[in-house]
Amino acid sequence: MSHVAQGRGKYGFIAGFLFAPLALYLTFVIWPYVQTFGYSFTNWTGQSPTFDFVGMDNYAALLNDEVFRGALWHNLLLLVFVPLVTILLALFFAFMVNAGGRGGAGGVQGVGGSRFYKVVYFFPQVLSLAILSVLFGAIYRSDEGGLLNGFLTKLGLIDANHPVEWLNEPDLVLWCLLLVVVWHGVGFYLVLFSAAMQSVPKDIYEAALLDGAGRAQTFFKVTLPLLWDSVQTSAVYLGIAAMDMFVLVSTMTSGQFGGGPDHHSEVMSTVLMRNFLYFGKSGYACAMGVVMLALTMILSVITLRATRRERIEF
C-alpha cells in the first residue's frame, strides 16, 4: 500500500505542476482561437456586445472580395520566394564559412575571415522589423535623398530628374518588401545551418575531397542531404512568416495599414486589420483569420510531407 500511495503522490505532484501551464495555455492560446472561430459566423462589429448569427455569409463574401483574393495571391507569391531565396542564400553562405575553404594539410575549413562574416550576416537579425522599416524606407526613398536612387544615378542607370518610386510602383513594391524579408532572415538561418554543419564529422568532407569532389559536388552530395532536417524546419518557419508580413507592409507602404499603391502590396493580415479596426466588420475579419489559420496549417503539413526524407545516420 505504501508503494501505491507513493506512486499516487508522485503523479499528483507532477500533475500539480502541469495544471497551471496547461490552464494558462488553454485560456490565452486555445480559447482566443475558439472565440475567433465562433465570431466568424456572426455580424459582430467589434464594439457592440450584441450580434447576430449569419452562418457562412462571411466566408461566402470572401470569395467575392477582390482585395482579399489579391492579398491571398501576394501571400502565395511570398510563400514561394521567401523560403526559397532565404534558404538558398543561407545554405550557400553557411557552406562557405564552414567548408568553403581548404586547410593547409588538406583539411576542411571556412573561407578566410569566416568568423567576421558570420557576425556581419547575423547583424540584421538583431534589428527589429520597425527599425528595418525606417532603414529601408530611407533606402527606397524616391527623392534625391534615397540611397538606392542616388547610387543608381551615380552609375548613370537612371535619370536624376525621374527617380524610381520603389514603394509606389505597382510592379516593384512587393519585390522590394521581399528583399527586406530576405535580408533580415538570411543571417539567422545561416547560424542555424552553420550549427548543423559543425556537427557533421570533418572526415566526411575530407573523404569527398580525396574522391575529387569540387565545392558544388560537396555541397549537393554531402552538405545538403545531411542538413535536410534543418532545411525542412526552416521552410516551415519561413512559410509562416510569409503568410504574415503585417509589420513591413503596414509600415513601409501607403494606405491604411499599408497595402498601397492600389492594393498591389496587400497581404491578408493588412486586409484583416483594416476590416477589423476601420470598417467595423469584425466578424468578417474573424473569418479571414480562420482562413489564414487553415491555410497556414495546410501549407505546414504539405511542406513537411513534401520535404520528408529518410534520416541519415553518421
C-alpha atoms as a PDB file:
ATOM      1  CA  MET A   1       0.000   0.000   0.000  1.00  0.00           C
ATOM      2  CA  SER A   2       2.885   2.311   0.727  1.00  0.00           C
ATOM      3  CA  HIS A   3       4.208   1.885  -2.817  1.00  0.00           C
ATOM      4  CA  VAL A   4       0.747   2.665  -4.234  1.00  0.00           C
ATOM      5  CA  ALA A   5       0.494   5.771  -2.068  1.00  0.00           C
ATOM      6  CA  GLN A   6       3.965   6.888  -3.141  1.00  0.00           C
ATOM      7  CA  GLY A   7       3.037   6.399  -6.798  1.00  0.00           C
ATOM      8  CA  ARG A   8      -0.143   8.408  -6.392  1.00  0.00           C
ATOM      9  CA  GLY A   9       1.745  11.131  -4.565  1.00  0.00           C
ATOM     10  CA  LYS A  10       4.387  11.333  -7.305  1.00  0.00           C
ATOM     11  CA  TYR A  11       1.846  11.569 -10.124  1.00  0.00           C
ATOM     12  CA  GLY A  12      -0.226  14.061  -8.177  1.00  0.00           C
ATOM     13  CA  PHE A  13       2.875  16.189  -7.652  1.00  0.00           C
ATOM     14  CA  ILE A  14       3.650  16.124 -11.389  1.00  0.00           C
ATOM     15  CA  ALA A  15       0.022  16.856 -12.308  1.00  0.00           C
ATOM     16  CA  GLY A  16       0.049  19.844  -9.963  1.00  0.00           C
ATOM     17  CA  PHE A  17       2.936  21.384 -11.867  1.00  0.00           C
ATOM     18  CA  LEU A  18       1.342  20.649 -15.259  1.00  0.00           C
ATOM     19  CA  PHE A  19      -2.076  22.040 -14.369  1.00  0.00           C
ATOM     20  CA  ALA A  20      -1.113  25.734 -14.200  1.00  0.00           C
ATOM     21  CA  PRO A  21       0.784  25.869 -17.569  1.00  0.00           C
ATOM     22  CA  LEU A  22      -1.975  23.865 -19.248  1.00  0.00           C
ATOM     23  CA  ALA A  23      -4.669  26.153 -17.841  1.00  0.00           C
ATOM     24  CA  LEU A  24      -2.773  29.250 -19.000  1.00  0.00           C
ATOM     25  CA  TYR A  25      -2.249  27.754 -22.465  1.00  0.00           C
ATOM     26  CA  LEU A  26      -5.915  26.875 -22.847  1.00  0.00           C
ATOM     27  CA  THR A  27      -7.005  30.325 -21.590  1.00  0.00           C
ATOM     28  CA  PHE A  28      -4.653  32.561 -23.551  1.00  0.00           C
ATOM     29  CA  VAL A  29      -3.929  30.480 -26.691  1.00  0.00           C
ATOM     30  CA  ILE A  30      -6.680  27.957 -27.429  1.00  0.00           C
ATOM     31  CA  TRP A  31      -9.666  29.947 -26.189  1.00  0.00           C
ATOM     32  CA  PRO A  32      -8.993  33.005 -28.445  1.00  0.00           C
ATOM     33  CA  TYR A  33      -8.900  30.646 -31.443  1.00  0.00           C
ATOM     34  CA  VAL A  34     -12.252  29.179 -30.398  1.00  0.00           C
ATOM     35  CA  GLN A  35     -13.720  32.673 -29.956  1.00  0.00           C
ATOM     36  CA  THR A  36     -12.452  33.802 -33.352  1.00  0.00           C
ATOM     37  CA  PHE A  37     -13.981  30.756 -34.997  1.00  0.00           C
ATOM     38  CA  GLY A  38     -17.304  31.483 -33.307  1.00  0.00           C
ATOM     39  CA  TYR A  39     -17.309  35.198 -34.194  1.00  0.00           C
ATOM     40  CA  SER A  40     -16.611  34.361 -37.843  1.00  0.00           C
ATOM     41  CA  PHE A  41     -20.228  33.145 -38.131  1.00  0.00           C
ATOM     42  CA  THR A  42     -21.673  36.430 -36.851  1.00  0.00           C
ATOM     43  CA  ASN A  43     -22.031  40.062 -37.939  1.00  0.00           C
ATOM     44  CA  TRP A  44     -20.132  41.314 -34.866  1.00  0.00           C
ATOM     45  CA  THR A  45     -18.864  44.887 -35.259  1.00  0.00           C
ATOM     46  CA  GLY A  46     -16.162  44.638 -32.607  1.00  0.00           C
ATOM     47  CA  GLN A  47     -17.755  47.269 -30.337  1.00  0.00           C
ATOM     48  CA  SER A  48     -21.326  46.164 -29.808  1.00  0.00           C
ATOM     49  CA  PRO A  49     -21.907  43.407 -27.216  1.00  0.00           C
ATOM     50  CA  THR A  50     -24.761  42.095 -29.369  1.00  0.00           C
ATOM     51  CA  PHE A  51     -24.504  40.392 -32.740  1.00  0.00           C
ATOM     52  CA  ASP A  52     -26.476  38.049 -34.954  1.00  0.00           C
ATOM     53  CA  PHE A  53     -25.628  34.647 -36.347  1.00  0.00           C
ATOM     54  CA  VAL A  54     -25.132  34.864 -40.139  1.00  0.00           C
ATOM     55  CA  GLY A  55     -23.882  31.367 -40.872  1.00  0.00           C
ATOM     56  CA  MET A  56     -21.476  31.095 -43.791  1.00  0.00           C
ATOM     57  CA  ASP A  57     -22.195  34.581 -45.153  1.00  0.00           C
ATOM     58  CA  ASN A  58     -18.787  35.945 -44.150  1.00  0.00           C
ATOM     59  CA  TYR A  59     -16.967  33.084 -45.867  1.00  0.00           C
ATOM     60  CA  ALA A  60     -19.116  33.455 -48.973  1.00  0.00           C
ATOM     61  CA  ALA A  61     -18.290  37.186 -49.048  1.00  0.00           C
ATOM     62  CA  LEU A  62     -14.570  36.344 -49.010  1.00  0.00           C
ATOM     63  CA  LEU A  63     -14.927  34.524 -52.317  1.00  0.00           C
ATOM     64  CA  ASN A  64     -16.230  37.719 -53.942  1.00  0.00           C
ATOM     65  CA  ASP A  65     -13.782  40.094 -52.257  1.00  0.00           C
ATOM     66  CA  GLU A  66     -11.280  41.117 -54.944  1.00  0.00           C
ATOM     67  CA  VAL A  67      -8.995  42.828 -52.432  1.00  0.00           C
ATOM     68  CA  PHE A  68      -8.777  39.700 -50.283  1.00  0.00           C
ATOM     69  CA  ARG A  69      -8.209  37.469 -53.321  1.00  0.00           C
ATOM     70  CA  GLY A  70      -5.395  39.753 -54.457  1.00  0.00           C
ATOM     71  CA  ALA A  71      -3.901  39.703 -50.962  1.00  0.00           C
ATOM     72  CA  LEU A  72      -4.071  35.898 -50.941  1.00  0.00           C
ATOM     73  CA  TRP A  73      -2.205  35.796 -54.261  1.00  0.00           C
ATOM     74  CA  HIS A  74       0.501  38.083 -52.862  1.00  0.00           C
ATOM     75  CA  ASN A  75       0.883  35.846 -49.809  1.00  0.00           C
ATOM     76  CA  LEU A  76       1.234  32.812 -52.065  1.00  0.00           C
ATOM     77  CA  LEU A  77       3.943  34.542 -54.112  1.00  0.00           C
ATOM     78  CA  LEU A  78       5.809  35.402 -50.925  1.00  0.00           C
ATOM     79  CA  LEU A  79       5.268  31.845 -49.704  1.00  0.00           C
ATOM     80  CA  VAL A  80       7.229  30.580 -52.705  1.00  0.00           C
ATOM     81  CA  PHE A  81      10.005  33.157 -52.896  1.00  0.00           C
ATOM     82  CA  VAL A  82      10.721  33.970 -49.229  1.00  0.00           C
ATOM     83  CA  PRO A  83      11.649  30.393 -48.170  1.00  0.00           C
ATOM     84  CA  LEU A  84      13.320  29.590 -51.491  1.00  0.00           C
ATOM     85  CA  VAL A  85      15.598  32.639 -51.701  1.00  0.00           C
ATOM     86  CA  THR A  86      16.337  32.813 -47.968  1.00  0.00           C
ATOM     87  CA  ILE A  87      17.233  29.134 -47.616  1.00  0.00           C
ATOM     88  CA  LEU A  88      19.368  29.057 -50.763  1.00  0.00           C
ATOM     89  CA  LEU A  89      21.376  32.113 -49.697  1.00  0.00           C
ATOM     90  CA  ALA A  90      21.712  30.909 -46.110  1.00  0.00           C
ATOM     91  CA  LEU A  91      22.883  27.470 -47.243  1.00  0.00           C
ATOM     92  CA  PHE A  92      25.419  28.966 -49.631  1.00  0.00           C
ATOM     93  CA  PHE A  93      26.871  31.370 -47.057  1.00  0.00           C
ATOM     94  CA  ALA A  94      26.854  28.713 -44.315  1.00  0.00           C
ATOM     95  CA  PHE A  95      28.712  26.305 -46.570  1.00  0.00           C
ATOM     96  CA  MET A  96      31.301  28.929 -47.480  1.00  0.00           C
ATOM     97  CA  VAL A  97      32.013  29.995 -43.887  1.00  0.00           C
ATOM     98  CA  ASN A  98      32.233  26.387 -42.663  1.00  0.00           C
ATOM     99  CA  ALA A  99      33.542  24.244 -45.520  1.00  0.00           C
ATOM    100  CA  GLY A 100      34.242  26.568 -48.426  1.00  0.00           C
ATOM    101  CA  GLY A 101      37.980  26.870 -47.775  1.00  0.00           C
ATOM    102  CA  ARG A 102      40.834  24.395 -47.819  1.00  0.00           C
ATOM    103  CA  GLY A 103      43.097  23.678 -44.893  1.00  0.00           C
ATOM    104  CA  GLY A 104      46.855  23.704 -45.236  1.00  0.00           C
ATOM    105  CA  ALA A 105      47.100  19.967 -44.760  1.00  0.00           C
ATOM    106  CA  GLY A 106      44.173  19.043 -46.975  1.00  0.00           C
ATOM    107  CA  GLY A 107      41.580  19.572 -44.252  1.00  0.00           C
ATOM    108  CA  VAL A 108      38.305  21.436 -44.499  1.00  0.00           C
ATOM    109  CA  GLN A 109      37.638  24.862 -43.081  1.00  0.00           C
ATOM    110  CA  GLY A 110      35.744  28.024 -43.890  1.00  0.00           C
ATOM    111  CA  VAL A 111      36.895  30.770 -46.187  1.00  0.00           C
ATOM    112  CA  GLY A 112      39.265  33.393 -44.833  1.00  0.00           C
ATOM    113  CA  GLY A 113      37.578  35.729 -42.369  1.00  0.00           C
ATOM    114  CA  SER A 114      34.643  33.365 -41.855  1.00  0.00           C
ATOM    115  CA  ARG A 115      34.141  34.395 -38.199  1.00  0.00           C
ATOM    116  CA  PHE A 116      33.820  38.025 -39.230  1.00  0.00           C
ATOM    117  CA  TYR A 117      31.368  37.108 -41.988  1.00  0.00           C
ATOM    118  CA  LYS A 118      29.157  35.244 -39.506  1.00  0.00           C
ATOM    119  CA  VAL A 119      28.821  38.377 -37.388  1.00  0.00           C
ATOM    120  CA  VAL A 120      28.127  40.572 -40.407  1.00  0.00           C
ATOM    121  CA  TYR A 121      25.494  38.213 -41.813  1.00  0.00           C
ATOM    122  CA  PHE A 122      23.765  37.812 -38.460  1.00  0.00           C
ATOM    123  CA  PHE A 123      23.651  41.547 -37.709  1.00  0.00           C
ATOM    124  CA  PRO A 124      20.293  42.214 -39.494  1.00  0.00           C
ATOM    125  CA  GLN A 125      18.641  39.645 -37.222  1.00  0.00           C
ATOM    126  CA  VAL A 126      19.250  41.770 -34.112  1.00  0.00           C
ATOM    127  CA  LEU A 127      17.304  44.682 -35.626  1.00  0.00           C
ATOM    128  CA  SER A 128      13.560  44.847 -35.074  1.00  0.00           C
ATOM    129  CA  LEU A 129      11.211  44.997 -38.035  1.00  0.00           C
ATOM    130  CA  ALA A 130      10.240  48.544 -37.050  1.00  0.00           C
ATOM    131  CA  ILE A 131      13.870  49.640 -37.377  1.00  0.00           C
ATOM    132  CA  LEU A 132      14.169  47.804 -40.685  1.00  0.00           C
ATOM    133  CA  SER A 133      11.119  49.665 -41.942  1.00  0.00           C
ATOM    134  CA  VAL A 134      12.770  53.002 -41.191  1.00  0.00           C
ATOM    135  CA  LEU A 135      16.105  51.868 -42.628  1.00  0.00           C
ATOM    136  CA  PHE A 136      14.746  50.547 -45.909  1.00  0.00           C
ATOM    137  CA  GLY A 137      12.291  53.416 -46.123  1.00  0.00           C
ATOM    138  CA  ALA A 138      15.344  55.685 -46.392  1.00  0.00           C
ATOM    139  CA  ILE A 139      16.922  53.352 -48.959  1.00  0.00           C
ATOM    140  CA  TYR A 140      13.807  53.259 -51.135  1.00  0.00           C
ATOM    141  CA  ARG A 141      13.020  56.979 -50.929  1.00  0.00           C
ATOM    142  CA  SER A 142      12.094  58.396 -54.315  1.00  0.00           C
ATOM    143  CA  ASP A 143      13.627  61.855 -53.783  1.00  0.00           C
ATOM    144  CA  GLU A 144      17.298  62.788 -54.076  1.00  0.00           C
ATOM    145  CA  GLY A 145      17.920  61.589 -50.520  1.00  0.00           C
ATOM    146  CA  GLY A 146      17.097  57.984 -51.357  1.00  0.00           C
ATOM    147  CA  LEU A 147      20.177  55.776 -51.115  1.00  0.00           C
ATOM    148  CA  LEU A 148      19.205  53.364 -53.895  1.00  0.00           C
ATOM    149  CA  ASN A 149      18.191  56.066 -56.359  1.00  0.00           C
ATOM    150  CA  GLY A 150      21.324  58.061 -55.541  1.00  0.00           C
ATOM    151  CA  PHE A 151      23.514  55.019 -56.166  1.00  0.00           C
ATOM    152  CA  LEU A 152      21.820  54.205 -59.483  1.00  0.00           C
ATOM    153  CA  THR A 153      22.053  57.855 -60.533  1.00  0.00           C
ATOM    154  CA  LYS A 154      25.809  57.871 -59.892  1.00  0.00           C
ATOM    155  CA  LEU A 155      26.112  54.807 -62.114  1.00  0.00           C
ATOM    156  CA  GLY A 156      24.092  56.536 -64.810  1.00  0.00           C
ATOM    157  CA  LEU A 157      21.393  53.865 -64.810  1.00  0.00           C
ATOM    158  CA  ILE A 158      18.509  56.250 -64.048  1.00  0.00           C
ATOM    159  CA  ASP A 159      17.807  59.917 -64.645  1.00  0.00           C
ATOM    160  CA  ALA A 160      18.128  62.120 -61.559  1.00  0.00           C
ATOM    161  CA  ASN A 161      15.089  64.091 -62.701  1.00  0.00           C
ATOM    162  CA  HIS A 162      12.967  60.946 -62.930  1.00  0.00           C
ATOM    163  CA  PRO A 163      13.835  58.790 -59.903  1.00  0.00           C
ATOM    164  CA  VAL A 164      12.191  55.416 -59.377  1.00  0.00           C
ATOM    165  CA  GLU A 165       9.421  55.391 -56.761  1.00  0.00           C
ATOM    166  CA  TRP A 166      10.205  51.928 -55.488  1.00  0.00           C
ATOM    167  CA  LEU A 167       7.394  51.646 -52.954  1.00  0.00           C
ATOM    168  CA  ASN A 168       4.839  53.374 -55.189  1.00  0.00           C
ATOM    169  CA  GLU A 169       5.423  51.304 -58.315  1.00  0.00           C
ATOM    170  CA  PRO A 170       2.755  48.568 -58.535  1.00  0.00           C
ATOM    171  CA  ASP A 171       5.136  46.136 -60.256  1.00  0.00           C
ATOM    172  CA  LEU A 172       8.035  46.727 -57.834  1.00  0.00           C
ATOM    173  CA  VAL A 173       6.626  47.229 -54.353  1.00  0.00           C
ATOM    174  CA  LEU A 174       6.109  43.552 -53.483  1.00  0.00           C
ATOM    175  CA  TRP A 175       9.625  42.611 -54.610  1.00  0.00           C
ATOM    176  CA  CYS A 176      11.076  45.491 -52.579  1.00  0.00           C
ATOM    177  CA  LEU A 177       9.381  44.060 -49.494  1.00  0.00           C
ATOM    178  CA  LEU A 178      10.651  40.590 -50.388  1.00  0.00           C
ATOM    179  CA  LEU A 179      14.214  41.931 -50.396  1.00  0.00           C
ATOM    180  CA  VAL A 180      13.774  43.295 -46.867  1.00  0.00           C
ATOM    181  CA  VAL A 181      12.456  39.967 -45.559  1.00  0.00           C
ATOM    182  CA  VAL A 182      15.303  38.009 -47.146  1.00  0.00           C
ATOM    183  CA  TRP A 183      17.953  40.486 -45.908  1.00  0.00           C
ATOM    184  CA  HIS A 184      16.555  40.184 -42.387  1.00  0.00           C
ATOM    185  CA  GLY A 185      16.255  36.394 -42.325  1.00  0.00           C
ATOM    186  CA  VAL A 186      19.386  35.084 -44.046  1.00  0.00           C
ATOM    187  CA  GLY A 187      21.650  35.683 -41.036  1.00  0.00           C
ATOM    188  CA  PHE A 188      19.525  33.659 -38.625  1.00  0.00           C
ATOM    189  CA  TYR A 189      19.283  30.644 -40.908  1.00  0.00           C
ATOM    190  CA  LEU A 190      22.985  30.922 -41.713  1.00  0.00           C
ATOM    191  CA  VAL A 191      23.691  30.439 -37.993  1.00  0.00           C
ATOM    192  CA  LEU A 192      21.172  27.576 -37.853  1.00  0.00           C
ATOM    193  CA  PHE A 193      22.742  25.769 -40.797  1.00  0.00           C
ATOM    194  CA  SER A 194      26.253  26.503 -39.518  1.00  0.00           C
ATOM    195  CA  ALA A 195      25.447  24.817 -36.216  1.00  0.00           C
ATOM    196  CA  ALA A 196      24.156  21.778 -38.105  1.00  0.00           C
ATOM    197  CA  MET A 197      27.260  21.694 -40.337  1.00  0.00           C
ATOM    198  CA  GLN A 198      29.588  21.782 -37.364  1.00  0.00           C
ATOM    199  CA  SER A 199      28.018  18.551 -36.118  1.00  0.00           C
ATOM    200  CA  VAL A 200      28.993  16.805 -39.368  1.00  0.00           C
ATOM    201  CA  PRO A 201      32.311  14.926 -38.981  1.00  0.00           C
ATOM    202  CA  LYS A 202      35.135  16.523 -40.972  1.00  0.00           C
ATOM    203  CA  ASP A 203      36.101  13.062 -42.178  1.00  0.00           C
ATOM    204  CA  ILE A 204      33.086  13.045 -44.496  1.00  0.00           C
ATOM    205  CA  TYR A 205      34.198  16.255 -46.213  1.00  0.00           C
ATOM    206  CA  GLU A 206      37.811  15.089 -46.397  1.00  0.00           C
ATOM    207  CA  ALA A 207      36.717  11.793 -47.965  1.00  0.00           C
ATOM    208  CA  ALA A 208      34.748  13.724 -50.590  1.00  0.00           C
ATOM    209  CA  LEU A 209      37.809  15.864 -51.335  1.00  0.00           C
ATOM    210  CA  LEU A 210      40.005  12.778 -51.702  1.00  0.00           C
ATOM    211  CA  ASP A 211      37.496  11.407 -54.219  1.00  0.00           C
ATOM    212  CA  GLY A 212      37.956  14.566 -56.280  1.00  0.00           C
ATOM    213  CA  ALA A 213      34.661  16.281 -55.441  1.00  0.00           C
ATOM    214  CA  GLY A 214      34.542  20.027 -56.047  1.00  0.00           C
ATOM    215  CA  ARG A 215      32.742  22.614 -53.949  1.00  0.00           C
ATOM    216  CA  ALA A 216      29.466  22.241 -55.841  1.00  0.00           C
ATOM    217  CA  GLN A 217      29.509  18.437 -55.651  1.00  0.00           C
ATOM    218  CA  THR A 218      30.403  18.536 -51.962  1.00  0.00           C
ATOM    219  CA  PHE A 219      27.518  20.898 -51.274  1.00  0.00           C
ATOM    220  CA  PHE A 220      24.828  18.962 -53.150  1.00  0.00           C
ATOM    221  CA  LYS A 221      26.055  15.426 -52.414  1.00  0.00           C
ATOM    222  CA  VAL A 222      27.229  15.819 -48.811  1.00  0.00           C
ATOM    223  CA  THR A 223      26.137  19.019 -47.109  1.00  0.00           C
ATOM    224  CA  LEU A 224      22.538  19.353 -48.315  1.00  0.00           C
ATOM    225  CA  PRO A 225      21.452  15.749 -47.549  1.00  0.00           C
ATOM    226  CA  LEU A 226      22.923  15.944 -44.038  1.00  0.00           C
ATOM    227  CA  LEU A 227      21.182  19.268 -43.339  1.00  0.00           C
ATOM    228  CA  TRP A 228      17.812  18.290 -44.756  1.00  0.00           C
ATOM    229  CA  ASP A 229      16.043  18.228 -41.363  1.00  0.00           C
ATOM    230  CA  SER A 230      17.168  21.803 -40.674  1.00  0.00           C
ATOM    231  CA  VAL A 231      16.114  22.876 -44.171  1.00  0.00           C
ATOM    232  CA  GLN A 232      12.695  21.308 -43.644  1.00  0.00           C
ATOM    233  CA  THR A 233      12.163  23.140 -40.349  1.00  0.00           C
ATOM    234  CA  SER A 234      13.357  26.423 -41.852  1.00  0.00           C
ATOM    235  CA  ALA A 235      10.928  26.097 -44.761  1.00  0.00           C
ATOM    236  CA  VAL A 236       8.004  25.776 -42.346  1.00  0.00           C
ATOM    237  CA  TYR A 237       9.012  28.804 -40.261  1.00  0.00           C
ATOM    238  CA  LEU A 238       9.675  30.958 -43.324  1.00  0.00           C
ATOM    239  CA  GLY A 239       6.375  29.880 -44.842  1.00  0.00           C
ATOM    240  CA  ILE A 240       4.562  31.019 -41.702  1.00  0.00           C
ATOM    241  CA  ALA A 241       6.423  34.346 -41.846  1.00  0.00           C
ATOM    242  CA  ALA A 242       5.416  34.783 -45.498  1.00  0.00           C
ATOM    243  CA  MET A 243       1.765  34.289 -44.538  1.00  0.00           C
ATOM    244  CA  ASP A 244       2.032  37.249 -42.150  1.00  0.00           C
ATOM    245  CA  MET A 245       4.116  40.204 -43.415  1.00  0.00           C
ATOM    246  CA  PHE A 246       1.891  42.648 -41.500  1.00  0.00           C
ATOM    247  CA  VAL A 247       4.604  44.781 -39.888  1.00  0.00           C
ATOM    248  CA  LEU A 248       6.569  45.538 -43.053  1.00  0.00           C
ATOM    249  CA  VAL A 249       3.558  46.117 -45.290  1.00  0.00           C
ATOM    250  CA  SER A 250       1.748  48.318 -42.782  1.00  0.00           C
ATOM    251  CA  THR A 251       4.788  50.498 -42.033  1.00  0.00           C
ATOM    252  CA  MET A 252       6.513  50.747 -45.418  1.00  0.00           C
ATOM    253  CA  THR A 253       3.639  51.102 -47.893  1.00  0.00           C
ATOM    254  CA  SER A 254       0.904  53.687 -48.333  1.00  0.00           C
ATOM    255  CA  GLY A 255      -2.715  53.408 -47.251  1.00  0.00           C
ATOM    256  CA  GLN A 256      -4.497  52.427 -44.030  1.00  0.00           C
ATOM    257  CA  PHE A 257      -2.316  49.642 -42.634  1.00  0.00           C
ATOM    258  CA  GLY A 258      -0.390  49.703 -45.910  1.00  0.00           C
ATOM    259  CA  GLY A 259      -1.315  47.736 -48.992  1.00  0.00           C
ATOM    260  CA  GLY A 260      -0.616  50.510 -51.498  1.00  0.00           C
ATOM    261  CA  PRO A 261      -0.279  51.526 -54.161  1.00  0.00           C
ATOM    262  CA  ASP A 262      -3.766  50.458 -55.187  1.00  0.00           C
ATOM    263  CA  HIS A 263      -3.596  47.229 -53.111  1.00  0.00           C
ATOM    264  CA  HIS A 264      -0.534  45.948 -55.008  1.00  0.00           C
ATOM    265  CA  SER A 265       1.309  45.153 -51.756  1.00  0.00           C
ATOM    266  CA  GLU A 266      -1.767  43.952 -49.897  1.00  0.00           C
ATOM    267  CA  VAL A 267      -1.488  40.821 -47.771  1.00  0.00           C
ATOM    268  CA  MET A 268      -4.198  39.003 -45.876  1.00  0.00           C
ATOM    269  CA  SER A 269      -3.184  40.376 -42.477  1.00  0.00           C
ATOM    270  CA  THR A 270      -3.480  44.006 -43.605  1.00  0.00           C
ATOM    271  CA  VAL A 271      -6.929  43.391 -45.113  1.00  0.00           C
ATOM    272  CA  LEU A 272      -7.964  41.710 -41.868  1.00  0.00           C
ATOM    273  CA  MET A 273      -6.820  44.580 -39.653  1.00  0.00           C
ATOM    274  CA  ARG A 274      -8.419  47.204 -41.894  1.00  0.00           C
ATOM    275  CA  ASN A 275     -11.785  45.447 -41.753  1.00  0.00           C
ATOM    276  CA  PHE A 276     -11.489  44.902 -38.007  1.00  0.00           C
ATOM    277  CA  LEU A 277     -10.433  48.401 -36.929  1.00  0.00           C
ATOM    278  CA  TYR A 278     -11.626  50.791 -39.645  1.00  0.00           C
ATOM    279  CA  PHE A 279     -14.673  49.244 -41.286  1.00  0.00           C
ATOM    280  CA  GLY A 280     -16.216  47.744 -38.148  1.00  0.00           C
ATOM    281  CA  LYS A 281     -16.579  44.337 -39.811  1.00  0.00           C
ATOM    282  CA  SER A 282     -15.036  42.275 -37.041  1.00  0.00           C
ATOM    283  CA  GLY A 283     -16.995  39.114 -37.784  1.00  0.00           C
ATOM    284  CA  TYR A 284     -15.820  39.312 -41.389  1.00  0.00           C
ATOM    285  CA  ALA A 285     -12.249  39.870 -40.186  1.00  0.00           C
ATOM    286  CA  CYS A 286     -12.512  36.820 -37.938  1.00  0.00           C
ATOM    287  CA  ALA A 287     -13.496  34.767 -40.977  1.00  0.00           C
ATOM    288  CA  MET A 288     -10.293  35.980 -42.665  1.00  0.00           C
ATOM    289  CA  GLY A 289      -8.329  34.932 -39.592  1.00  0.00           C
ATOM    290  CA  VAL A 290      -9.825  31.451 -39.704  1.00  0.00           C
ATOM    291  CA  VAL A 291      -8.918  31.154 -43.398  1.00  0.00           C
ATOM    292  CA  MET A 292      -5.349  32.301 -42.649  1.00  0.00           C
ATOM    293  CA  LEU A 293      -5.056  29.725 -39.856  1.00  0.00           C
ATOM    294  CA  ALA A 294      -6.372  26.933 -42.076  1.00  0.00           C
ATOM    295  CA  LEU A 295      -4.054  27.850 -44.947  1.00  0.00           C
ATOM    296  CA  THR A 296      -1.037  28.049 -42.638  1.00  0.00           C
ATOM    297  CA  MET A 297      -1.780  24.630 -41.134  1.00  0.00           C
ATOM    298  CA  ILE A 298      -2.348  23.064 -44.562  1.00  0.00           C
ATOM    299  CA  LEU A 299       0.824  24.562 -46.011  1.00  0.00           C
ATOM    300  CA  SER A 300       2.868  23.439 -42.993  1.00  0.00           C
ATOM    301  CA  VAL A 301       1.654  19.854 -43.390  1.00  0.00           C
ATOM    302  CA  ILE A 302       2.283  19.921 -47.154  1.00  0.00           C
ATOM    303  CA  THR A 303       5.794  21.301 -46.651  1.00  0.00           C
ATOM    304  CA  LEU A 304       6.674  18.679 -44.042  1.00  0.00           C
ATOM    305  CA  ARG A 305       5.384  15.854 -46.226  1.00  0.00           C
ATOM    306  CA  ALA A 306       6.915  17.159 -49.447  1.00  0.00           C
ATOM    307  CA  THR A 307      10.360  17.508 -47.871  1.00  0.00           C
ATOM    308  CA  ARG A 308      10.275  14.215 -45.958  1.00  0.00           C
ATOM    309  CA  ARG A 309      13.352  12.045 -46.444  1.00  0.00           C
ATOM    310  CA  GLU A 310      14.959   9.068 -44.812  1.00  0.00           C
ATOM    311  CA  ARG A 311      17.028  10.093 -41.834  1.00  0.00           C
ATOM    312  CA  ILE A 312      20.753   9.856 -42.477  1.00  0.00           C
ATOM    313  CA  GLU A 313      22.847   8.428 -39.658  1.00  0.00           C
ATOM    314  CA  PHE A 314      26.563   9.157 -39.312  1.00  0.00           C
END
